[in-house]
Amino acid sequence: MKNKNIKYAKKLRNKCTETEKYLWSYLRGRQIEGFKFRRQQPIGKYIVDFVNFEKSIIIEVDGGQHLNNIKDELRDNWLKEQKYEILRFWDNEVFNNIEGVLNVIREKLLTPSPKPSPSEGRGE
């Protein structure tokens, strides 16, 4: 399962959505307060859009197909059990209010964590 997820994650990195590309242009290279993000990262049996392991923050950008999606809810619950915080933004939020999106991300990154961060390989 692990190798399958890694191969699929690499495929997703090469075929990311326009919204993911746009947000990645702001996240890559430690542009937000020096925090490192990884994109299309396997965590357990799931692949998340973006993750910062240091602060245990996952960022998801979603289109309308994710509205009231039970699979997303189950996935989010499992990731929360692994001590990750999930920030979800709709595609139009990223394109129409990038400064607001970045401010939310920055605020979460700078908020002290009350719990220890999971290791990079946790849950796999």
C-alpha atoms as a PDB file:
ATOM      1  CA  MET A   1       0.000   0.000   0.000  1.00  0.00           C
ATOM      2  CA  LYS A   2       2.823   2.389   0.904  1.00  0.00           C
ATOM      3  CA  ASN A   3       4.576   2.107  -2.489  1.00  0.00           C
ATOM      4  CA  LYS A   4       1.253   2.480  -4.297  1.00  0.00           C
ATOM      5  CA  ASN A   5       0.533   5.712  -2.401  1.00  0.00           C
ATOM      6  CA  ILE A   6       4.013   7.106  -3.119  1.00  0.00           C
ATOM      7  CA  LYS A   7       3.621   6.417  -6.857  1.00  0.00           C
ATOM      8  CA  TYR A   8       0.147   7.949  -6.863  1.00  0.00           C
ATOM      9  CA  ALA A   9       1.356  11.006  -4.922  1.00  0.00           C
ATOM     10  CA  LYS A  10       4.100  11.582  -7.513  1.00  0.00           C
ATOM     11  CA  LYS A  11       1.484  11.354 -10.256  1.00  0.00           C
ATOM     12  CA  LEU A  12      -0.704  13.893  -8.430  1.00  0.00           C
ATOM     13  CA  ARG A  13       2.258  16.296  -8.075  1.00  0.00           C
ATOM     14  CA  ASN A  14       2.652  16.252 -11.835  1.00  0.00           C
ATOM     15  CA  LYS A  15      -1.090  16.672 -12.479  1.00  0.00           C
ATOM     16  CA  CYS A  16      -2.083  19.138  -9.777  1.00  0.00           C
ATOM     17  CA  THR A  17      -5.027  21.463 -10.187  1.00  0.00           C
ATOM     18  CA  GLU A  18      -4.624  25.136 -11.073  1.00  0.00           C
ATOM     19  CA  THR A  19      -5.678  26.018  -7.531  1.00  0.00           C
ATOM     20  CA  GLU A  20      -3.019  23.742  -6.039  1.00  0.00           C
ATOM     21  CA  LYS A  21      -0.379  25.235  -8.347  1.00  0.00           C
ATOM     22  CA  TYR A  22      -1.390  28.738  -7.342  1.00  0.00           C
ATOM     23  CA  LEU A  23      -1.330  28.055  -3.593  1.00  0.00           C
ATOM     24  CA  TRP A  24       1.926  26.087  -3.913  1.00  0.00           C
ATOM     25  CA  SER A  25       3.548  29.160  -5.442  1.00  0.00           C
ATOM     26  CA  TYR A  26       3.048  30.818  -2.027  1.00  0.00           C
ATOM     27  CA  LEU A  27       3.897  27.808   0.168  1.00  0.00           C
ATOM     28  CA  ARG A  28       7.016  26.393  -1.472  1.00  0.00           C
ATOM     29  CA  GLY A  29      10.498  27.445  -0.509  1.00  0.00           C
ATOM     30  CA  ARG A  30       9.573  28.262   3.105  1.00  0.00           C
ATOM     31  CA  GLN A  31       7.908  31.527   2.042  1.00  0.00           C
ATOM     32  CA  ILE A  32       5.544  31.658   5.012  1.00  0.00           C
ATOM     33  CA  GLU A  33       7.559  32.453   8.141  1.00  0.00           C
ATOM     34  CA  GLY A  34      10.205  29.879   7.153  1.00  0.00           C
ATOM     35  CA  PHE A  35       7.875  26.873   7.503  1.00  0.00           C
ATOM     36  CA  LYS A  36       8.376  23.962   5.114  1.00  0.00           C
ATOM     37  CA  PHE A  37       5.430  22.432   3.305  1.00  0.00           C
ATOM     38  CA  ARG A  38       5.255  19.257   1.273  1.00  0.00           C
ATOM     39  CA  ARG A  39       2.675  18.761  -1.425  1.00  0.00           C
ATOM     40  CA  GLN A  40       0.694  15.670  -2.359  1.00  0.00           C
ATOM     41  CA  GLN A  41       2.093  13.871   0.670  1.00  0.00           C
ATOM     42  CA  PRO A  42       1.023  10.357   1.710  1.00  0.00           C
ATOM     43  CA  ILE A  43      -0.065  10.089   5.349  1.00  0.00           C
ATOM     44  CA  GLY A  44      -1.267   6.628   6.208  1.00  0.00           C
ATOM     45  CA  LYS A  45      -3.556   5.463   3.416  1.00  0.00           C
ATOM     46  CA  TYR A  46      -4.398   9.036   2.405  1.00  0.00           C
ATOM     47  CA  ILE A  47      -2.688  11.681   0.295  1.00  0.00           C
ATOM     48  CA  VAL A  48      -3.035  15.275   1.463  1.00  0.00           C
ATOM     49  CA  ASP A  49      -2.669  18.379  -0.697  1.00  0.00           C
ATOM     50  CA  PHE A  50      -0.139  20.159   1.547  1.00  0.00           C
ATOM     51  CA  VAL A  51       1.340  19.397   4.955  1.00  0.00           C
ATOM     52  CA  ASN A  52       3.646  21.039   7.436  1.00  0.00           C
ATOM     53  CA  PHE A  53       4.955  18.265   9.691  1.00  0.00           C
ATOM     54  CA  GLU A  54       6.529  20.629  12.218  1.00  0.00           C
ATOM     55  CA  LYS A  55       3.152  22.083  13.242  1.00  0.00           C
ATOM     56  CA  SER A  56       0.992  19.117  12.115  1.00  0.00           C
ATOM     57  CA  ILE A  57      -1.054  21.275   9.750  1.00  0.00           C
ATOM     58  CA  ILE A  58      -2.689  19.932   6.606  1.00  0.00           C
ATOM     59  CA  ILE A  59      -4.039  22.273   3.952  1.00  0.00           C
ATOM     60  CA  GLU A  60      -6.678  21.050   1.518  1.00  0.00           C
ATOM     61  CA  VAL A  61      -8.004  22.991  -1.456  1.00  0.00           C
ATOM     62  CA  ASP A  62     -11.332  21.740  -2.696  1.00  0.00           C
ATOM     63  CA  GLY A  63     -13.753  22.123  -5.530  1.00  0.00           C
ATOM     64  CA  GLY A  64     -17.492  21.552  -5.342  1.00  0.00           C
ATOM     65  CA  GLN A  65     -17.137  17.751  -5.517  1.00  0.00           C
ATOM     66  CA  HIS A  66     -16.007  17.849  -1.876  1.00  0.00           C
ATOM     67  CA  LEU A  67     -19.167  19.496  -0.546  1.00  0.00           C
ATOM     68  CA  ASN A  68     -20.758  17.161   2.034  1.00  0.00           C
ATOM     69  CA  ASN A  69     -18.506  14.279   0.947  1.00  0.00           C
ATOM     70  CA  ILE A  70     -18.664  11.399   3.455  1.00  0.00           C
ATOM     71  CA  LYS A  71     -15.268  10.043   2.334  1.00  0.00           C
ATOM     72  CA  ASP A  72     -13.677  13.412   3.145  1.00  0.00           C
ATOM     73  CA  GLU A  73     -15.308  13.352   6.569  1.00  0.00           C
ATOM     74  CA  LEU A  74     -13.952   9.864   7.337  1.00  0.00           C
ATOM     75  CA  ARG A  75     -10.514  10.879   6.054  1.00  0.00           C
ATOM     76  CA  ASP A  76     -10.511  14.074   8.135  1.00  0.00           C
ATOM     77  CA  ASN A  77     -11.539  12.163  11.251  1.00  0.00           C
ATOM     78  CA  TRP A  78      -8.663   9.711  10.820  1.00  0.00           C
ATOM     79  CA  LEU A  79      -6.150  12.516  10.211  1.00  0.00           C
ATOM     80  CA  LYS A  80      -7.412  14.362  13.308  1.00  0.00           C
ATOM     81  CA  GLU A  81      -6.938  11.175  15.331  1.00  0.00           C
ATOM     82  CA  GLN A  82      -3.309  11.299  14.169  1.00  0.00           C
ATOM     83  CA  LYS A  83      -3.128  14.817  15.719  1.00  0.00           C
ATOM     84  CA  TYR A  84      -3.234  16.845  12.497  1.00  0.00           C
ATOM     85  CA  GLU A  85      -5.157  20.087  12.141  1.00  0.00           C
ATOM     86  CA  ILE A  86      -6.868  20.469   8.778  1.00  0.00           C
ATOM     87  CA  LEU A  87      -7.403  23.783   7.047  1.00  0.00           C
ATOM     88  CA  ARG A  88      -9.810  23.598   4.094  1.00  0.00           C
ATOM     89  CA  PHE A  89     -10.182  26.281   1.497  1.00  0.00           C
ATOM     90  CA  TRP A  90     -12.500  26.334  -1.496  1.00  0.00           C
ATOM     91  CA  ASP A  91     -10.909  26.920  -4.889  1.00  0.00           C
ATOM     92  CA  ASN A  92     -12.600  30.315  -5.244  1.00  0.00           C
ATOM     93  CA  GLU A  93     -11.223  31.411  -1.832  1.00  0.00           C
ATOM     94  CA  VAL A  94      -7.685  30.689  -2.977  1.00  0.00           C
ATOM     95  CA  PHE A  95      -8.117  32.595  -6.246  1.00  0.00           C
ATOM     96  CA  ASN A  96     -10.234  35.486  -4.954  1.00  0.00           C
ATOM     97  CA  ASN A  97      -8.779  35.997  -1.475  1.00  0.00           C
ATOM     98  CA  ILE A  98      -5.224  34.651  -1.423  1.00  0.00           C
ATOM     99  CA  GLU A  99      -4.139  37.175   1.239  1.00  0.00           C
ATOM    100  CA  GLY A 100      -6.936  36.041   3.537  1.00  0.00           C
ATOM    101  CA  VAL A 101      -6.027  32.382   2.958  1.00  0.00           C
ATOM    102  CA  LEU A 102      -2.346  33.077   3.639  1.00  0.00           C
ATOM    103  CA  ASN A 103      -3.227  35.008   6.800  1.00  0.00           C
ATOM    104  CA  VAL A 104      -5.207  32.035   8.158  1.00  0.00           C
ATOM    105  CA  ILE A 105      -2.298  29.701   7.374  1.00  0.00           C
ATOM    106  CA  ARG A 106       0.247  32.098   8.890  1.00  0.00           C
ATOM    107  CA  GLU A 107      -1.841  32.482  12.073  1.00  0.00           C
ATOM    108  CA  LYS A 108      -2.071  28.697  12.529  1.00  0.00           C
ATOM    109  CA  LEU A 109       1.665  28.276  11.941  1.00  0.00           C
ATOM    110  CA  LEU A 110       2.537  30.921  14.508  1.00  0.00           C
ATOM    111  CA  THR A 111       0.124  29.650  17.177  1.00  0.00           C
ATOM    112  CA  PRO A 112       1.980  27.561  19.775  1.00  0.00           C
ATOM    113  CA  SER A 113       1.112  23.866  19.538  1.00  0.00           C
ATOM    114  CA  PRO A 114      -0.380  22.413  22.727  1.00  0.00           C
ATOM    115  CA  LYS A 115       0.594  18.902  21.595  1.00  0.00           C
ATOM    116  CA  PRO A 116       3.766  17.373  20.157  1.00  0.00           C
ATOM    117  CA  SER A 117       3.949  17.071  16.370  1.00  0.00           C
ATOM    118  CA  PRO A 118       3.695  13.597  14.847  1.00  0.00           C
ATOM    119  CA  SER A 119       6.805  12.292  13.152  1.00  0.00           C
ATOM    120  CA  GLU A 120       6.905  12.468   9.350  1.00  0.00           C
ATOM    121  CA  GLY A 121       6.233   8.765   8.886  1.00  0.00           C
ATOM    122  CA  ARG A 122       3.479   8.440  11.484  1.00  0.00           C
ATOM    123  CA  GLY A 123       0.375   6.594  10.479  1.00  0.00           C
ATOM    124  CA  GLU A 124       1.936   4.899   7.478  1.00  0.00           C
END
